[in-house]
Amino acid sequence: MLKTSIDRKAAPATMLIVYGGLKGYVKRPFWFLLRTALKASQLKKQLPERLSGDIKTQVAMIASMYILLKEKVDPERAFSTVQVIMIPVALSVQLGNFRFAETERSFESLKKYHEMAISESPTRTNLKEIVESSAEKYHFRVKSCLHLGLFNRLGVPELTQIMCNVDNALYNIYCPDKVLFHRNGPGNTIFEGNEYCEFICENISK
């Protein structure tokens, strides 16, 4: 019945998830989604041609939704609405990348499938340094941020925070009784002005 495996990861229908989220927040969700898609096709032309289609679509859709919402409500409300809609979308994709349903979840599995997910992702171009990889802690730093660069190009750098929040949610729901994720305090992301993004996963099952 199920069609996924470790070698064949899940590919959720993200537009259906977006539409489902929009139904809770806008009066004419289908029309708004159509407008978002049309604007996204224009914004994609501002992004580097060499980028994969997936990440161009993702960034352009998030930006276009935010820009259109700001025409109707204040920026804070628009940002919150985009975040509520897009975080479930991103999590559904990322949990598929991490083989959440296809393998036993543990600290060691997190490390293994994180590396696999990164190798398959457009963000593999981000510079990364592993500080510690032991039975107790998996600590790495990302020293460049593809999303920040792309959102900057579109004039909406603040949307990078949504991607940071996806990371916060992803690593803490992967195996919450065995793995604790944190950034060693506030302000430790490139978006917030730090020289790198801090990622610390601690094995609390021990």
N, C-alpha and C. Protein backbone atom coordinates (compact mmCIF):
# COMPACT_ATOMS: atom_id res chain seq x y z
N MET A 1 0.82 -1.21 0.00
CA MET A 1 0.00 0.00 0.00
C MET A 1 0.86 1.26 0.00
N LEU A 2 1.88 1.32 0.87
CA LEU A 2 2.75 2.49 0.93
C LEU A 2 3.79 2.43 -0.19
N LYS A 3 4.15 3.58 -0.72
CA LYS A 3 5.04 3.59 -1.88
C LYS A 3 6.42 4.15 -1.59
N THR A 4 6.67 4.59 -0.35
CA THR A 4 7.98 5.17 -0.06
C THR A 4 8.90 4.15 0.59
N SER A 5 10.19 4.45 0.54
CA SER A 5 11.20 3.64 1.19
C SER A 5 12.38 4.55 1.49
N ILE A 6 13.41 4.02 2.09
CA ILE A 6 14.60 4.83 2.36
C ILE A 6 15.18 5.37 1.06
N ASP A 7 15.12 4.56 0.00
CA ASP A 7 15.67 4.98 -1.28
C ASP A 7 14.68 5.77 -2.13
N ARG A 8 13.42 5.72 -1.76
CA ARG A 8 12.38 6.45 -2.49
C ARG A 8 11.62 7.32 -1.50
N LYS A 9 12.09 8.54 -1.36
CA LYS A 9 11.52 9.42 -0.32
C LYS A 9 10.14 9.95 -0.74
N ALA A 10 9.41 10.42 0.25
CA ALA A 10 8.08 10.97 0.02
C ALA A 10 8.16 12.28 -0.76
N ALA A 11 7.16 12.52 -1.58
CA ALA A 11 7.06 13.77 -2.34
C ALA A 11 5.64 14.32 -2.16
N PRO A 12 5.39 15.02 -1.04
CA PRO A 12 4.04 15.51 -0.74
C PRO A 12 3.54 16.49 -1.80
N ALA A 13 2.22 16.55 -1.97
CA ALA A 13 1.59 17.50 -2.88
C ALA A 13 1.51 18.85 -2.16
N THR A 14 2.57 19.62 -2.26
CA THR A 14 2.70 20.84 -1.45
C THR A 14 1.62 21.88 -1.76
N MET A 15 1.21 21.99 -3.01
CA MET A 15 0.19 22.98 -3.34
C MET A 15 -1.15 22.68 -2.68
N LEU A 16 -1.44 21.39 -2.50
CA LEU A 16 -2.67 21.02 -1.80
C LEU A 16 -2.59 21.42 -0.33
N ILE A 17 -1.40 21.28 0.26
CA ILE A 17 -1.22 21.68 1.66
C ILE A 17 -1.34 23.20 1.78
N VAL A 18 -0.74 23.92 0.83
CA VAL A 18 -0.86 25.38 0.82
C VAL A 18 -2.33 25.79 0.72
N TYR A 19 -3.05 25.16 -0.19
CA TYR A 19 -4.46 25.50 -0.38
C TYR A 19 -5.27 25.22 0.89
N GLY A 20 -4.98 24.09 1.53
CA GLY A 20 -5.68 23.77 2.77
C GLY A 20 -5.42 24.80 3.85
N GLY A 21 -4.17 25.29 3.93
CA GLY A 21 -3.85 26.33 4.90
C GLY A 21 -4.53 27.64 4.58
N LEU A 22 -4.53 28.00 3.30
CA LEU A 22 -5.16 29.26 2.89
C LEU A 22 -6.65 29.29 3.20
N LYS A 23 -7.31 28.13 3.12
CA LYS A 23 -8.74 28.09 3.39
C LYS A 23 -9.08 28.58 4.79
N GLY A 24 -8.12 28.46 5.70
CA GLY A 24 -8.37 28.92 7.06
C GLY A 24 -8.15 30.41 7.26
N TYR A 25 -7.53 31.08 6.25
CA TYR A 25 -7.11 32.47 6.48
C TYR A 25 -7.59 33.48 5.45
N VAL A 26 -7.91 33.06 4.25
CA VAL A 26 -8.37 34.02 3.24
C VAL A 26 -9.75 33.59 2.73
N LYS A 27 -10.52 34.58 2.26
CA LYS A 27 -11.91 34.32 1.89
C LYS A 27 -12.04 33.55 0.57
N ARG A 28 -11.14 33.81 -0.35
CA ARG A 28 -11.20 33.12 -1.66
C ARG A 28 -9.85 32.44 -1.90
N PRO A 29 -9.63 31.31 -1.24
CA PRO A 29 -8.30 30.69 -1.26
C PRO A 29 -7.82 30.27 -2.65
N PHE A 30 -8.72 29.74 -3.48
CA PHE A 30 -8.28 29.31 -4.80
C PHE A 30 -7.82 30.50 -5.63
N TRP A 31 -8.58 31.60 -5.60
CA TRP A 31 -8.22 32.80 -6.34
C TRP A 31 -6.91 33.38 -5.82
N PHE A 32 -6.75 33.39 -4.50
CA PHE A 32 -5.52 33.92 -3.91
C PHE A 32 -4.32 33.04 -4.30
N LEU A 33 -4.50 31.73 -4.30
CA LEU A 33 -3.42 30.82 -4.69
C LEU A 33 -3.04 31.03 -6.15
N LEU A 34 -4.04 31.26 -6.99
CA LEU A 34 -3.76 31.52 -8.41
C LEU A 34 -2.97 32.81 -8.57
N ARG A 35 -3.36 33.85 -7.86
CA ARG A 35 -2.62 35.12 -7.90
C ARG A 35 -1.19 34.94 -7.39
N THR A 36 -1.06 34.15 -6.34
CA THR A 36 0.27 33.88 -5.78
C THR A 36 1.16 33.18 -6.80
N ALA A 37 0.60 32.18 -7.47
CA ALA A 37 1.38 31.42 -8.46
C ALA A 37 1.78 32.31 -9.63
N LEU A 38 0.89 33.19 -10.06
CA LEU A 38 1.20 34.08 -11.18
C LEU A 38 2.31 35.06 -10.80
N LYS A 39 2.22 35.61 -9.60
CA LYS A 39 3.25 36.54 -9.15
C LYS A 39 4.58 35.81 -8.94
N ALA A 40 4.50 34.57 -8.44
CA ALA A 40 5.71 33.78 -8.22
C ALA A 40 6.45 33.54 -9.54
N SER A 41 5.70 33.32 -10.61
CA SER A 41 6.34 33.09 -11.92
C SER A 41 7.13 34.32 -12.36
N GLN A 42 6.67 35.52 -11.96
CA GLN A 42 7.39 36.75 -12.28
C GLN A 42 8.63 36.88 -11.39
N LEU A 43 8.47 36.58 -10.10
CA LEU A 43 9.59 36.71 -9.17
C LEU A 43 10.72 35.73 -9.49
N LYS A 44 10.38 34.56 -10.00
CA LYS A 44 11.40 33.56 -10.32
C LYS A 44 12.40 34.08 -11.33
N LYS A 45 11.98 35.03 -12.16
CA LYS A 45 12.88 35.59 -13.17
C LYS A 45 13.99 36.41 -12.53
N GLN A 46 13.80 36.82 -11.27
CA GLN A 46 14.82 37.60 -10.57
C GLN A 46 15.85 36.71 -9.86
N LEU A 47 15.62 35.41 -9.86
CA LEU A 47 16.50 34.47 -9.18
C LEU A 47 17.50 33.87 -10.17
N PRO A 48 18.65 33.42 -9.68
CA PRO A 48 19.69 32.87 -10.57
C PRO A 48 19.18 31.69 -11.40
N GLU A 49 19.51 31.68 -12.66
CA GLU A 49 19.05 30.62 -13.56
C GLU A 49 19.59 29.25 -13.16
N ARG A 50 20.78 29.22 -12.56
CA ARG A 50 21.42 27.94 -12.24
C ARG A 50 20.73 27.19 -11.10
N LEU A 51 19.86 27.87 -10.35
CA LEU A 51 19.19 27.23 -9.22
C LEU A 51 18.24 26.14 -9.70
N SER A 52 18.04 25.13 -8.85
CA SER A 52 17.06 24.10 -9.17
C SER A 52 15.65 24.70 -9.14
N GLY A 53 14.78 24.12 -9.94
CA GLY A 53 13.41 24.62 -10.01
C GLY A 53 12.68 24.57 -8.70
N ASP A 54 12.96 23.55 -7.88
CA ASP A 54 12.24 23.38 -6.61
C ASP A 54 12.45 24.56 -5.68
N ILE A 55 13.70 24.96 -5.49
CA ILE A 55 13.95 26.03 -4.53
C ILE A 55 13.52 27.38 -5.10
N LYS A 56 13.62 27.57 -6.40
CA LYS A 56 13.13 28.80 -7.00
C LYS A 56 11.63 28.93 -6.79
N THR A 57 10.91 27.84 -6.98
CA THR A 57 9.46 27.86 -6.78
C THR A 57 9.13 28.12 -5.32
N GLN A 58 9.85 27.44 -4.42
CA GLN A 58 9.60 27.61 -2.99
C GLN A 58 9.78 29.07 -2.56
N VAL A 59 10.92 29.64 -2.88
CA VAL A 59 11.23 31.00 -2.47
C VAL A 59 10.27 32.00 -3.11
N ALA A 60 9.99 31.82 -4.39
CA ALA A 60 9.10 32.75 -5.09
C ALA A 60 7.67 32.66 -4.57
N MET A 61 7.20 31.46 -4.23
CA MET A 61 5.84 31.31 -3.71
C MET A 61 5.71 31.97 -2.34
N ILE A 62 6.69 31.75 -1.47
CA ILE A 62 6.64 32.36 -0.14
C ILE A 62 6.66 33.88 -0.26
N ALA A 63 7.55 34.40 -1.10
CA ALA A 63 7.67 35.85 -1.26
C ALA A 63 6.41 36.45 -1.87
N SER A 64 5.88 35.81 -2.88
CA SER A 64 4.69 36.36 -3.54
C SER A 64 3.48 36.35 -2.61
N MET A 65 3.32 35.29 -1.83
CA MET A 65 2.22 35.24 -0.87
C MET A 65 2.33 36.38 0.14
N TYR A 66 3.54 36.59 0.62
CA TYR A 66 3.79 37.65 1.61
C TYR A 66 3.50 39.03 1.01
N ILE A 67 3.98 39.27 -0.20
CA ILE A 67 3.78 40.57 -0.85
C ILE A 67 2.30 40.83 -1.09
N LEU A 68 1.56 39.83 -1.53
CA LEU A 68 0.13 40.01 -1.78
C LEU A 68 -0.64 40.23 -0.48
N LEU A 69 -0.26 39.52 0.57
CA LEU A 69 -0.95 39.71 1.85
C LEU A 69 -0.69 41.10 2.42
N LYS A 70 0.51 41.62 2.19
CA LYS A 70 0.83 42.96 2.70
C LYS A 70 0.00 44.05 2.03
N GLU A 71 -0.61 43.74 0.89
CA GLU A 71 -1.51 44.70 0.25
C GLU A 71 -2.81 44.85 1.03
N LYS A 72 -3.10 43.87 1.89
CA LYS A 72 -4.38 43.85 2.60
C LYS A 72 -4.24 44.06 4.11
N VAL A 73 -3.11 43.61 4.67
CA VAL A 73 -2.93 43.69 6.13
C VAL A 73 -1.53 44.22 6.43
N ASP A 74 -1.26 44.52 7.70
CA ASP A 74 0.05 45.04 8.08
C ASP A 74 1.11 43.94 7.93
N PRO A 75 2.39 44.33 7.79
CA PRO A 75 3.46 43.35 7.54
C PRO A 75 3.55 42.26 8.59
N GLU A 76 3.35 42.59 9.85
CA GLU A 76 3.44 41.57 10.91
C GLU A 76 2.38 40.50 10.74
N ARG A 77 1.15 40.93 10.44
CA ARG A 77 0.06 39.98 10.22
C ARG A 77 0.34 39.15 8.96
N ALA A 78 0.84 39.79 7.92
CA ALA A 78 1.15 39.06 6.69
C ALA A 78 2.23 38.02 6.93
N PHE A 79 3.28 38.40 7.67
CA PHE A 79 4.37 37.48 7.97
C PHE A 79 3.85 36.28 8.76
N SER A 80 3.05 36.53 9.78
CA SER A 80 2.52 35.45 10.62
C SER A 80 1.65 34.50 9.81
N THR A 81 0.85 35.05 8.92
CA THR A 81 -0.03 34.21 8.11
C THR A 81 0.76 33.32 7.16
N VAL A 82 1.77 33.90 6.52
CA VAL A 82 2.63 33.10 5.63
C VAL A 82 3.31 32.00 6.42
N GLN A 83 3.76 32.33 7.62
CA GLN A 83 4.46 31.34 8.44
C GLN A 83 3.54 30.19 8.83
N VAL A 84 2.32 30.51 9.22
CA VAL A 84 1.36 29.47 9.61
C VAL A 84 1.08 28.52 8.44
N ILE A 85 1.04 29.07 7.24
CA ILE A 85 0.72 28.26 6.06
C ILE A 85 1.93 27.47 5.56
N MET A 86 3.11 28.11 5.57
CA MET A 86 4.27 27.50 4.93
C MET A 86 5.06 26.54 5.81
N ILE A 87 5.04 26.72 7.12
CA ILE A 87 5.79 25.79 7.97
C ILE A 87 5.29 24.35 7.83
N PRO A 88 3.96 24.11 7.84
CA PRO A 88 3.52 22.72 7.62
C PRO A 88 3.96 22.16 6.27
N VAL A 89 3.99 23.01 5.25
CA VAL A 89 4.45 22.57 3.93
C VAL A 89 5.91 22.14 3.99
N ALA A 90 6.74 23.02 4.55
CA ALA A 90 8.17 22.72 4.63
C ALA A 90 8.44 21.49 5.49
N LEU A 91 7.70 21.35 6.58
CA LEU A 91 7.89 20.18 7.45
C LEU A 91 7.52 18.88 6.73
N SER A 92 6.45 18.92 5.95
CA SER A 92 6.05 17.69 5.25
C SER A 92 7.14 17.25 4.27
N VAL A 93 7.79 18.22 3.63
CA VAL A 93 8.88 17.90 2.71
C VAL A 93 10.10 17.43 3.48
N GLN A 94 10.47 18.15 4.52
CA GLN A 94 11.68 17.82 5.27
C GLN A 94 11.57 16.49 6.01
N LEU A 95 10.41 16.19 6.55
CA LEU A 95 10.25 14.90 7.23
C LEU A 95 10.36 13.76 6.23
N GLY A 96 9.93 14.01 5.00
CA GLY A 96 10.15 13.02 3.94
C GLY A 96 11.62 12.86 3.64
N ASN A 97 12.34 13.99 3.59
CA ASN A 97 13.78 13.95 3.35
C ASN A 97 14.51 13.19 4.45
N PHE A 98 14.03 13.32 5.67
CA PHE A 98 14.65 12.65 6.82
C PHE A 98 14.16 11.20 7.00
N ARG A 99 13.34 10.72 6.04
CA ARG A 99 12.80 9.34 6.09
C ARG A 99 12.12 9.09 7.44
N PHE A 100 11.29 10.05 7.85
CA PHE A 100 10.64 10.01 9.16
C PHE A 100 9.79 8.76 9.34
N ALA A 101 9.06 8.37 8.29
CA ALA A 101 8.15 7.23 8.40
C ALA A 101 8.78 5.92 7.94
N GLU A 102 9.98 5.99 7.36
CA GLU A 102 10.56 4.80 6.75
C GLU A 102 11.64 4.13 7.58
N THR A 103 12.05 4.76 8.68
CA THR A 103 13.13 4.18 9.48
C THR A 103 12.92 4.50 10.96
N GLU A 104 13.55 3.74 11.81
CA GLU A 104 13.46 4.00 13.25
C GLU A 104 14.12 5.33 13.57
N ARG A 105 13.45 6.13 14.38
CA ARG A 105 13.98 7.45 14.73
C ARG A 105 14.82 7.36 16.00
N SER A 106 16.04 7.83 15.90
CA SER A 106 16.97 7.82 17.02
C SER A 106 17.99 8.92 16.78
N PHE A 107 18.86 9.13 17.74
CA PHE A 107 19.91 10.14 17.59
C PHE A 107 20.83 9.80 16.43
N GLU A 108 21.20 8.54 16.32
CA GLU A 108 22.08 8.13 15.23
C GLU A 108 21.39 8.24 13.87
N SER A 109 20.09 7.92 13.85
CA SER A 109 19.35 8.06 12.60
C SER A 109 19.25 9.52 12.19
N LEU A 110 19.06 10.40 13.16
CA LEU A 110 19.01 11.83 12.86
C LEU A 110 20.29 12.27 12.15
N LYS A 111 21.43 11.88 12.71
CA LYS A 111 22.71 12.26 12.10
C LYS A 111 22.82 11.69 10.68
N LYS A 112 22.48 10.42 10.53
CA LYS A 112 22.62 9.75 9.24
C LYS A 112 21.74 10.38 8.18
N TYR A 113 20.45 10.56 8.51
CA TYR A 113 19.52 11.03 7.49
C TYR A 113 19.57 12.54 7.31
N HIS A 114 20.11 13.24 8.29
CA HIS A 114 20.39 14.66 8.08
C HIS A 114 21.42 14.82 6.97
N GLU A 115 22.48 14.03 7.05
CA GLU A 115 23.53 14.11 6.03
C GLU A 115 22.98 13.72 4.65
N MET A 116 22.12 12.71 4.62
CA MET A 116 21.51 12.30 3.36
C MET A 116 20.61 13.41 2.81
N ALA A 117 19.80 14.00 3.68
CA ALA A 117 18.89 15.05 3.26
C ALA A 117 19.66 16.25 2.71
N ILE A 118 20.75 16.61 3.39
CA ILE A 118 21.55 17.75 2.94
C ILE A 118 22.15 17.47 1.55
N SER A 119 22.61 16.25 1.34
CA SER A 119 23.24 15.92 0.06
C SER A 119 22.24 15.97 -1.10
N GLU A 120 20.95 15.82 -0.78
CA GLU A 120 19.91 15.82 -1.81
C GLU A 120 19.27 17.19 -1.99
N SER A 121 19.59 18.13 -1.11
CA SER A 121 18.90 19.41 -1.06
C SER A 121 19.63 20.49 -1.85
N PRO A 122 18.89 21.47 -2.39
CA PRO A 122 19.55 22.62 -3.03
C PRO A 122 20.44 23.40 -2.06
N THR A 123 20.17 23.29 -0.75
CA THR A 123 20.97 24.01 0.24
C THR A 123 22.30 23.31 0.51
N ARG A 124 22.60 22.25 -0.24
CA ARG A 124 23.90 21.58 -0.08
C ARG A 124 25.05 22.52 -0.43
N THR A 125 24.73 23.62 -1.13
CA THR A 125 25.77 24.60 -1.47
C THR A 125 26.16 25.47 -0.28
N ASN A 126 25.36 25.46 0.79
CA ASN A 126 25.72 26.21 1.99
C ASN A 126 27.02 25.66 2.58
N LEU A 127 27.89 26.55 3.03
CA LEU A 127 29.13 26.13 3.68
C LEU A 127 28.82 25.61 5.08
N LYS A 128 29.35 24.44 5.41
CA LYS A 128 29.02 23.79 6.67
C LYS A 128 30.28 23.29 7.36
N GLU A 129 30.31 23.45 8.66
CA GLU A 129 31.43 22.95 9.48
C GLU A 129 30.88 22.09 10.61
N ILE A 130 31.38 20.88 10.73
CA ILE A 130 30.98 20.02 11.85
C ILE A 130 31.91 20.30 13.03
N VAL A 131 31.34 20.74 14.12
CA VAL A 131 32.11 21.07 15.33
C VAL A 131 32.31 19.82 16.17
N GLU A 132 31.26 19.04 16.32
CA GLU A 132 31.34 17.79 17.10
C GLU A 132 30.31 16.80 16.58
N SER A 133 30.75 15.57 16.41
CA SER A 133 29.84 14.50 16.03
C SER A 133 30.21 13.29 16.89
N SER A 134 29.49 13.15 18.00
CA SER A 134 29.77 12.08 18.96
C SER A 134 28.47 11.39 19.34
N ALA A 135 28.56 10.46 20.25
CA ALA A 135 27.36 9.76 20.72
C ALA A 135 26.47 10.66 21.56
N GLU A 136 27.03 11.78 22.04
CA GLU A 136 26.29 12.69 22.91
C GLU A 136 25.79 13.94 22.20
N LYS A 137 26.51 14.38 21.18
CA LYS A 137 26.18 15.66 20.56
C LYS A 137 26.51 15.66 19.07
N TYR A 138 25.60 16.28 18.31
CA TYR A 138 25.86 16.55 16.89
C TYR A 138 25.76 18.07 16.72
N HIS A 139 26.90 18.70 16.56
CA HIS A 139 26.99 20.16 16.55
C HIS A 139 27.64 20.60 15.24
N PHE A 140 26.90 21.36 14.46
CA PHE A 140 27.48 21.87 13.22
C PHE A 140 27.08 23.34 13.03
N ARG A 141 27.82 24.00 12.17
CA ARG A 141 27.58 25.41 11.87
C ARG A 141 27.45 25.59 10.36
N VAL A 142 26.46 26.34 9.98
CA VAL A 142 26.27 26.69 8.57
C VAL A 142 26.76 28.12 8.39
N LYS A 143 27.72 28.28 7.48
CA LYS A 143 28.40 29.57 7.37
C LYS A 143 27.97 30.40 6.16
N SER A 144 27.00 29.91 5.44
CA SER A 144 26.39 30.70 4.37
C SER A 144 24.92 30.30 4.30
N CYS A 145 24.07 31.20 3.83
CA CYS A 145 22.63 30.92 3.83
C CYS A 145 22.05 31.22 2.46
N LEU A 146 21.73 30.17 1.72
CA LEU A 146 21.15 30.33 0.40
C LEU A 146 19.82 31.08 0.45
N HIS A 147 18.98 30.73 1.41
CA HIS A 147 17.66 31.37 1.49
C HIS A 147 17.77 32.87 1.73
N LEU A 148 18.67 33.28 2.62
CA LEU A 148 18.82 34.71 2.88
C LEU A 148 19.23 35.45 1.61
N GLY A 149 20.14 34.88 0.86
CA GLY A 149 20.57 35.51 -0.38
C GLY A 149 19.43 35.64 -1.38
N LEU A 150 18.59 34.60 -1.47
CA LEU A 150 17.49 34.63 -2.44
C LEU A 150 16.39 35.59 -2.00
N PHE A 151 16.05 35.55 -0.72
CA PHE A 151 15.02 36.48 -0.24
C PHE A 151 15.50 37.93 -0.34
N ASN A 152 16.79 38.14 -0.14
CA ASN A 152 17.36 39.48 -0.32
C ASN A 152 17.15 39.97 -1.75
N ARG A 153 17.37 39.09 -2.71
CA ARG A 153 17.18 39.45 -4.11
C ARG A 153 15.76 39.92 -4.39
N LEU A 154 14.81 39.35 -3.66
CA LEU A 154 13.40 39.68 -3.88
C LEU A 154 12.92 40.81 -2.97
N GLY A 155 13.84 41.34 -2.15
CA GLY A 155 13.50 42.48 -1.30
C GLY A 155 12.73 42.13 -0.05
N VAL A 156 12.76 40.85 0.35
CA VAL A 156 12.02 40.42 1.54
C VAL A 156 12.91 39.55 2.43
N PRO A 157 14.07 40.06 2.88
CA PRO A 157 15.00 39.24 3.66
C PRO A 157 14.39 38.70 4.95
N GLU A 158 13.38 39.39 5.48
CA GLU A 158 12.78 38.97 6.74
C GLU A 158 12.14 37.58 6.65
N LEU A 159 11.81 37.14 5.44
CA LEU A 159 11.20 35.81 5.29
C LEU A 159 12.17 34.68 5.61
N THR A 160 13.46 34.99 5.69
CA THR A 160 14.45 33.97 6.06
C THR A 160 14.12 33.40 7.43
N GLN A 161 13.53 34.21 8.30
CA GLN A 161 13.20 33.75 9.65
C GLN A 161 12.28 32.55 9.63
N ILE A 162 11.42 32.48 8.61
CA ILE A 162 10.52 31.33 8.51
C ILE A 162 11.32 30.04 8.32
N MET A 163 12.37 30.10 7.50
CA MET A 163 13.18 28.91 7.27
C MET A 163 13.94 28.51 8.54
N CYS A 164 14.39 29.52 9.31
CA CYS A 164 15.03 29.23 10.60
C CYS A 164 14.04 28.52 11.53
N ASN A 165 12.78 28.98 11.52
CA ASN A 165 11.78 28.38 12.39
C ASN A 165 11.40 26.97 11.94
N VAL A 166 11.51 26.71 10.64
CA VAL A 166 11.30 25.34 10.15
C VAL A 166 12.35 24.41 10.75
N ASP A 167 13.61 24.87 10.77
CA ASP A 167 14.68 24.07 11.38
C ASP A 167 14.38 23.81 12.86
N ASN A 168 13.97 24.85 13.57
CA ASN A 168 13.66 24.68 14.99
C ASN A 168 12.60 23.61 15.20
N ALA A 169 11.56 23.65 14.38
CA ALA A 169 10.48 22.67 14.51
C ALA A 169 10.93 21.28 14.09
N LEU A 170 11.61 21.20 12.94
CA LEU A 170 12.02 19.90 12.39
C LEU A 170 12.87 19.10 13.36
N TYR A 171 13.94 19.71 13.84
CA TYR A 171 14.87 18.96 14.68
C TYR A 171 14.28 18.63 16.05
N ASN A 172 13.31 19.41 16.50
CA ASN A 172 12.72 19.13 17.81
C ASN A 172 11.54 18.18 17.77
N ILE A 173 10.95 17.96 16.59
CA ILE A 173 9.87 16.98 16.51
C ILE A 173 10.34 15.65 15.95
N TYR A 174 11.57 15.61 15.43
CA TYR A 174 12.06 14.37 14.83
C TYR A 174 12.04 13.23 15.84
N CYS A 175 12.55 13.48 17.01
CA CYS A 175 12.58 12.45 18.05
C CYS A 175 12.63 13.16 19.41
N PRO A 176 11.53 13.79 19.83
CA PRO A 176 11.55 14.71 20.97
C PRO A 176 11.92 14.09 22.31
N ASP A 177 11.71 12.80 22.47
CA ASP A 177 12.06 12.15 23.74
C ASP A 177 13.52 11.70 23.78
N LYS A 178 14.22 11.85 22.64
CA LYS A 178 15.61 11.40 22.59
C LYS A 178 16.60 12.48 22.12
N VAL A 179 16.09 13.48 21.41
CA VAL A 179 16.97 14.51 20.84
C VAL A 179 16.47 15.90 21.22
N LEU A 180 17.37 16.73 21.70
CA LEU A 180 17.07 18.12 22.01
C LEU A 180 17.85 19.00 21.05
N PHE A 181 17.14 19.87 20.33
CA PHE A 181 17.79 20.79 19.41
C PHE A 181 17.77 22.21 19.97
N HIS A 182 18.88 22.93 19.81
CA HIS A 182 18.92 24.35 20.19
C HIS A 182 20.07 25.02 19.43
N ARG A 183 20.17 26.34 19.60
CA ARG A 183 21.20 27.11 18.90
C ARG A 183 22.18 27.75 19.89
N ASN A 184 22.23 27.22 21.09
CA ASN A 184 23.14 27.74 22.12
C ASN A 184 22.83 29.20 22.45
N GLY A 185 21.53 29.50 22.54
CA GLY A 185 21.11 30.85 22.90
C GLY A 185 20.53 31.61 21.73
N PRO A 186 19.93 32.78 22.00
CA PRO A 186 19.31 33.58 20.95
C PRO A 186 20.35 34.29 20.08
N GLY A 187 19.93 34.64 18.88
CA GLY A 187 20.78 35.45 18.00
C GLY A 187 21.83 34.69 17.24
N ASN A 188 21.82 33.38 17.31
CA ASN A 188 22.91 32.60 16.69
C ASN A 188 22.54 32.08 15.30
N THR A 189 22.07 32.99 14.45
CA THR A 189 21.85 32.67 13.04
C THR A 189 22.43 33.81 12.19
N ILE A 190 22.70 33.50 10.95
CA ILE A 190 23.21 34.51 10.03
C ILE A 190 22.18 35.61 9.84
N PHE A 191 20.92 35.23 9.76
CA PHE A 191 19.85 36.21 9.59
C PHE A 191 19.85 37.24 10.71
N GLU A 192 20.17 36.80 11.92
CA GLU A 192 20.16 37.70 13.07
C GLU A 192 21.50 38.43 13.27
N GLY A 193 22.42 38.26 12.32
CA GLY A 193 23.66 39.00 12.35
C GLY A 193 24.87 38.21 12.81
N ASN A 194 24.69 36.95 13.19
CA ASN A 194 25.83 36.12 13.58
C ASN A 194 26.61 35.70 12.33
N GLU A 195 27.87 35.33 12.50
CA GLU A 195 28.67 34.94 11.33
C GLU A 195 28.33 33.55 10.83
N TYR A 196 27.57 32.79 11.60
CA TYR A 196 27.14 31.47 11.16
C TYR A 196 25.84 31.11 11.89
N CYS A 197 25.17 30.08 11.39
CA CYS A 197 23.97 29.55 12.05
C CYS A 197 24.39 28.35 12.89
N GLU A 198 24.00 28.37 14.13
CA GLU A 198 24.36 27.31 15.07
C GLU A 198 23.29 26.22 15.06
N PHE A 199 23.71 24.96 14.96
CA PHE A 199 22.81 23.81 15.02
C PHE A 199 23.40 22.83 16.04
N ILE A 200 22.68 22.61 17.13
CA ILE A 200 23.17 21.68 18.16
C ILE A 200 22.06 20.68 18.48
N CYS A 201 22.35 19.41 18.23
CA CYS A 201 21.43 18.32 18.58
C CYS A 201 22.08 17.50 19.68
N GLU A 202 21.42 17.40 20.83
CA GLU A 202 21.95 16.67 21.96
C GLU A 202 21.18 15.37 22.17
N ASN A 203 21.92 14.32 22.42
CA ASN A 203 21.32 13.01 22.68
C ASN A 203 20.90 12.96 24.15
N ILE A 204 19.61 13.16 24.40
CA ILE A 204 19.13 13.16 25.80
C ILE A 204 18.61 11.79 26.22
N SER A 205 18.65 10.83 25.29
CA SER A 205 18.21 9.48 25.66
C SER A 205 19.18 8.83 26.64
N LYS A 206 20.42 9.34 26.68
CA LYS A 206 21.41 8.79 27.59
C LYS A 206 21.24 9.35 28.99
